[in-house]
C-alpha atoms as a PDB file:
ATOM      1  CA  MET A   1     -16.406 -19.323  25.969  1.00  0.00           C
ATOM      2  CA  THR A   2     -18.355 -22.536  25.455  1.00  0.00           C
ATOM      3  CA  THR A   3     -18.025 -22.632  21.652  1.00  0.00           C
ATOM      4  CA  GLY A   4     -14.349 -21.670  21.391  1.00  0.00           C
ATOM      5  CA  LYS A   5     -15.086 -18.886  18.927  1.00  0.00           C
ATOM      6  CA  GLU A   6     -12.954 -15.765  19.041  1.00  0.00           C
ATOM      7  CA  SER A   7     -14.434 -12.354  18.466  1.00  0.00           C
ATOM      8  CA  GLN A   8     -13.345 -10.761  15.200  1.00  0.00           C
ATOM      9  CA  PHE A   9     -12.740  -7.046  14.871  1.00  0.00           C
ATOM     10  CA  THR A  10     -12.165  -5.023  11.729  1.00  0.00           C
ATOM     11  CA  VAL A  11      -9.815  -2.183  10.949  1.00  0.00           C
ATOM     12  CA  LYS A  12     -10.203  -0.320   7.668  1.00  0.00           C
ATOM     13  CA  PHE A  13      -7.376   1.401   5.814  1.00  0.00           C
ATOM     14  CA  ILE A  14      -8.808   3.936   3.394  1.00  0.00           C
ATOM     15  CA  GLU A  15      -7.261   4.473  -0.019  1.00  0.00           C
ATOM     16  CA  GLY A  16      -5.483   7.782  -0.425  1.00  0.00           C
ATOM     17  CA  LYS A  17      -4.585   8.154   3.249  1.00  0.00           C
ATOM     18  CA  ARG A  18      -0.992   8.296   4.449  1.00  0.00           C
ATOM     19  CA  VAL A  19       0.674   5.741   6.705  1.00  0.00           C
ATOM     20  CA  LYS A  20       0.535   8.186   9.629  1.00  0.00           C
ATOM     21  CA  ASP A  21      -3.260   8.257   9.229  1.00  0.00           C
ATOM     22  CA  TRP A  22      -3.387   4.466   9.244  1.00  0.00           C
ATOM     23  CA  LEU A  23      -1.233   4.336  12.371  1.00  0.00           C
ATOM     24  CA  LEU A  24      -3.787   6.576  14.098  1.00  0.00           C
ATOM     25  CA  VAL A  25      -6.559   4.221  13.004  1.00  0.00           C
ATOM     26  CA  LEU A  26      -4.632   1.314  14.535  1.00  0.00           C
ATOM     27  CA  GLN A  27      -3.944   3.283  17.704  1.00  0.00           C
ATOM     28  CA  ASN A  28      -7.667   3.993  18.121  1.00  0.00           C
ATOM     29  CA  SER A  29      -8.829   0.454  17.328  1.00  0.00           C
ATOM     30  CA  PRO A  30      -9.893  -1.720  20.261  1.00  0.00           C
ATOM     31  CA  TYR A  31      -8.079  -4.831  21.435  1.00  0.00           C
ATOM     32  CA  ILE A  32      -4.914  -4.298  19.352  1.00  0.00           C
ATOM     33  CA  GLU A  33      -1.569  -4.775  21.063  1.00  0.00           C
ATOM     34  CA  HIS A  34       0.327  -1.557  20.359  1.00  0.00           C
ATOM     35  CA  THR A  35       4.002  -2.171  19.632  1.00  0.00           C
ATOM     36  CA  LEU A  36       4.746   0.711  17.254  1.00  0.00           C
ATOM     37  CA  GLN A  37       3.907   3.781  19.341  1.00  0.00           C
ATOM     38  CA  ASP A  38       7.487   5.035  19.684  1.00  0.00           C
ATOM     39  CA  LYS A  39       8.725   3.844  16.278  1.00  0.00           C
ATOM     40  CA  SER A  40       9.571   6.088  13.348  1.00  0.00           C
ATOM     41  CA  LEU A  41       8.249   5.296   9.878  1.00  0.00           C
ATOM     42  CA  ASP A  42      11.770   4.165   8.922  1.00  0.00           C
ATOM     43  CA  GLU A  43      11.864   1.753  11.863  1.00  0.00           C
ATOM     44  CA  ILE A  44       8.436   0.390  10.958  1.00  0.00           C
ATOM     45  CA  SER A  45       9.559  -0.038   7.329  1.00  0.00           C
ATOM     46  CA  LYS A  46      12.560  -2.060   8.480  1.00  0.00           C
ATOM     47  CA  GLN A  47      10.404  -4.221  10.759  1.00  0.00           C
ATOM     48  CA  LEU A  48       8.156  -4.995   7.784  1.00  0.00           C
ATOM     49  CA  GLY A  49      11.134  -5.790   5.546  1.00  0.00           C
ATOM     50  CA  ILE A  50      10.616  -2.762   3.298  1.00  0.00           C
ATOM     51  CA  ASP A  51      13.764  -1.287   1.826  1.00  0.00           C
ATOM     52  CA  GLY A  52      12.964   2.431   1.739  1.00  0.00           C
ATOM     53  CA  SER A  53       9.793   4.371   2.402  1.00  0.00           C
ATOM     54  CA  ILE A  54       6.725   2.589   3.713  1.00  0.00           C
ATOM     55  CA  GLU A  55       4.397   4.982   1.833  1.00  0.00           C
ATOM     56  CA  GLY A  56       2.515   3.187  -0.916  1.00  0.00           C
ATOM     57  CA  TRP A  57       3.433  -0.278   0.288  1.00  0.00           C
ATOM     58  CA  LEU A  58       0.305  -0.918   2.379  1.00  0.00           C
ATOM     59  CA  SER A  59      -2.831  -2.137   0.658  1.00  0.00           C
ATOM     60  CA  PRO A  60      -5.986  -0.184   1.498  1.00  0.00           C
ATOM     61  CA  ASN A  61      -8.567  -2.671   2.655  1.00  0.00           C
ATOM     62  CA  SER A  62     -10.489  -3.947   5.661  1.00  0.00           C
ATOM     63  CA  TYR A  63      -8.499  -6.313   7.857  1.00  0.00           C
ATOM     64  CA  GLN A  64      -9.990  -8.567  10.478  1.00  0.00           C
ATOM     65  CA  TYR A  65      -8.145  -9.339  13.690  1.00  0.00           C
ATOM     66  CA  THR A  66      -8.683 -10.930  17.060  1.00  0.00           C
ATOM     67  CA  MET A  67      -7.959  -9.529  20.504  1.00  0.00           C
ATOM     68  CA  GLY A  68      -4.223  -9.224  21.119  1.00  0.00           C
ATOM     69  CA  THR A  69      -3.190  -9.007  17.469  1.00  0.00           C
ATOM     70  CA  THR A  70      -0.295  -6.569  17.161  1.00  0.00           C
ATOM     71  CA  ASP A  71      -0.395  -3.417  15.103  1.00  0.00           C
ATOM     72  CA  LEU A  72       2.728  -4.690  13.336  1.00  0.00           C
ATOM     73  CA  ALA A  73       0.977  -7.947  12.367  1.00  0.00           C
ATOM     74  CA  ILE A  74      -1.885  -6.010  10.752  1.00  0.00           C
ATOM     75  CA  LEU A  75       0.538  -3.761   8.860  1.00  0.00           C
ATOM     76  CA  LYS A  76       2.468  -6.838   7.730  1.00  0.00           C
ATOM     77  CA  ARG A  77      -0.737  -8.279   6.229  1.00  0.00           C
ATOM     78  CA  ALA A  78      -1.399  -4.972   4.447  1.00  0.00           C
ATOM     79  CA  TYR A  79       2.180  -4.964   3.142  1.00  0.00           C
ATOM     80  CA  LEU A  80       2.111  -8.581   1.953  1.00  0.00           C
ATOM     81  CA  THR A  81      -1.241  -7.990   0.252  1.00  0.00           C
ATOM     82  CA  MET A  82       0.142  -4.970  -1.622  1.00  0.00           C
ATOM     83  CA  LYS A  83       3.363  -6.781  -2.497  1.00  0.00           C
ATOM     84  CA  SER A  84       1.444  -9.767  -3.879  1.00  0.00           C
ATOM     85  CA  ASN A  85      -1.022  -7.619  -5.854  1.00  0.00           C
ATOM     86  CA  LEU A  86       1.753  -5.456  -7.243  1.00  0.00           C
ATOM     87  CA  GLN A  87       3.800  -8.480  -8.331  1.00  0.00           C
ATOM     88  CA  ARG A  88       0.785 -10.017 -10.067  1.00  0.00           C
ATOM     89  CA  ILE A  89       0.166  -6.783 -11.984  1.00  0.00           C
ATOM     90  CA  TRP A  90       3.886  -6.349 -12.727  1.00  0.00           C
ATOM     91  CA  ASP A  91       4.106  -9.874 -14.147  1.00  0.00           C
ATOM     92  CA  SER A  92       1.183  -9.243 -16.519  1.00  0.00           C
ATOM     93  CA  ARG A  93       2.113  -5.695 -17.584  1.00  0.00           C
ATOM     94  CA  ASP A  94       2.854  -4.658 -21.131  1.00  0.00           C
ATOM     95  CA  PRO A  95       6.660  -4.960 -21.405  1.00  0.00           C
ATOM     96  CA  ASP A  96       6.676  -1.770 -23.482  1.00  0.00           C
ATOM     97  CA  LEU A  97       5.792   0.351 -20.454  1.00  0.00           C
ATOM     98  CA  PRO A  98       8.616   2.582 -19.189  1.00  0.00           C
ATOM     99  CA  TYR A  99       8.817   1.338 -15.596  1.00  0.00           C
ATOM    100  CA  SER A 100      11.985  -0.191 -14.240  1.00  0.00           C
ATOM    101  CA  SER A 101      10.422  -1.690 -11.106  1.00  0.00           C
ATOM    102  CA  PRO A 102       7.075  -2.592  -9.584  1.00  0.00           C
ATOM    103  CA  TYR A 103       7.512   0.291  -7.126  1.00  0.00           C
ATOM    104  CA  GLU A 104       7.902   2.811  -9.974  1.00  0.00           C
ATOM    105  CA  MET A 105       4.691   1.457 -11.432  1.00  0.00           C
ATOM    106  CA  LEU A 106       3.000   1.858  -8.042  1.00  0.00           C
ATOM    107  CA  ILE A 107       4.214   5.449  -7.723  1.00  0.00           C
ATOM    108  CA  LEU A 108       2.839   6.355 -11.144  1.00  0.00           C
ATOM    109  CA  ALA A 109      -0.468   4.661 -10.341  1.00  0.00           C
ATOM    110  CA  SER A 110      -0.678   6.768  -7.173  1.00  0.00           C
ATOM    111  CA  ILE A 111       0.033   9.948  -9.130  1.00  0.00           C
ATOM    112  CA  ILE A 112      -2.648   9.069 -11.681  1.00  0.00           C
ATOM    113  CA  GLU A 113      -5.088   8.363  -8.856  1.00  0.00           C
ATOM    114  CA  LYS A 114      -4.383  11.809  -7.369  1.00  0.00           C
ATOM    115  CA  GLU A 115      -4.780  13.495 -10.775  1.00  0.00           C
ATOM    116  CA  THR A 116      -8.278  12.180 -11.322  1.00  0.00           C
ATOM    117  CA  GLY A 117     -10.834  10.325  -9.297  1.00  0.00           C
ATOM    118  CA  ILE A 118     -12.880   9.547 -12.383  1.00  0.00           C
ATOM    119  CA  ASN A 119     -12.338   6.026 -13.747  1.00  0.00           C
ATOM    120  CA  ALA A 120     -13.029   7.024 -17.337  1.00  0.00           C
ATOM    121  CA  GLU A 121     -10.227   9.620 -17.275  1.00  0.00           C
ATOM    122  CA  ARG A 122      -7.505   7.391 -15.821  1.00  0.00           C
ATOM    123  CA  ALA A 123      -6.488   5.812 -19.138  1.00  0.00           C
ATOM    124  CA  LYS A 124      -6.012   9.233 -20.738  1.00  0.00           C
ATOM    125  CA  VAL A 125      -4.047  10.590 -17.781  1.00  0.00           C
ATOM    126  CA  ALA A 126      -1.930   7.426 -17.686  1.00  0.00           C
ATOM    127  CA  SER A 127      -1.160   7.682 -21.396  1.00  0.00           C
ATOM    128  CA  VAL A 128       0.097  11.252 -20.949  1.00  0.00           C
ATOM    129  CA  PHE A 129       2.507  10.156 -18.212  1.00  0.00           C
ATOM    130  CA  VAL A 130       3.621   7.029 -20.096  1.00  0.00           C
ATOM    131  CA  ASN A 131       4.266   9.041 -23.271  1.00  0.00           C
ATOM    132  CA  ARG A 132       6.303  11.591 -21.318  1.00  0.00           C
ATOM    133  CA  LEU A 133       8.358   8.857 -19.659  1.00  0.00           C
ATOM    134  CA  LYS A 134       8.953   7.147 -22.997  1.00  0.00           C
ATOM    135  CA  ALA A 135      10.032  10.450 -24.582  1.00  0.00           C
ATOM    136  CA  LYS A 136      12.374  11.142 -21.672  1.00  0.00           C
ATOM    137  CA  ASN A 137      13.886   7.637 -21.985  1.00  0.00           C
ATOM    138  CA  GLU A 138      14.418   8.124 -25.713  1.00  0.00           C
ATOM    139  CA  VAL A 139      16.332  11.356 -25.049  1.00  0.00           C
ATOM    140  CA  THR A 140      18.588   9.684 -22.455  1.00  0.00           C
ATOM    141  CA  ASP A 141      19.261   6.542 -24.532  1.00  0.00           C
END
């Protein structure tokens, strides 16, 4: 009270978990103002400005907050972090890759992550998917 410092709290979103899991984490975190309890995932997506499914659009990370921060504000930070990271990667990608949007690239990255948890195998798994997508695109062209 005498120094003017606010207490900081941390909420952690773990990679590989679904949005419903993250909403439970928020619901069980102290000092968060809960505004999303009765909202569907579609409603939450719209509130965040996401056109379509919210799945995949939230960056796993630890987020600090102060007392009274809304659950929506924390999700918005996770969304903007993912959007920024994804755009940076999209802008520096090899233009020869068969993705038509950053979200397609994100989906494939998620699939590769589910296929193997071993870093050394990811490049091989990714090349299999990329080659299949390229072959499919050649057939449809």
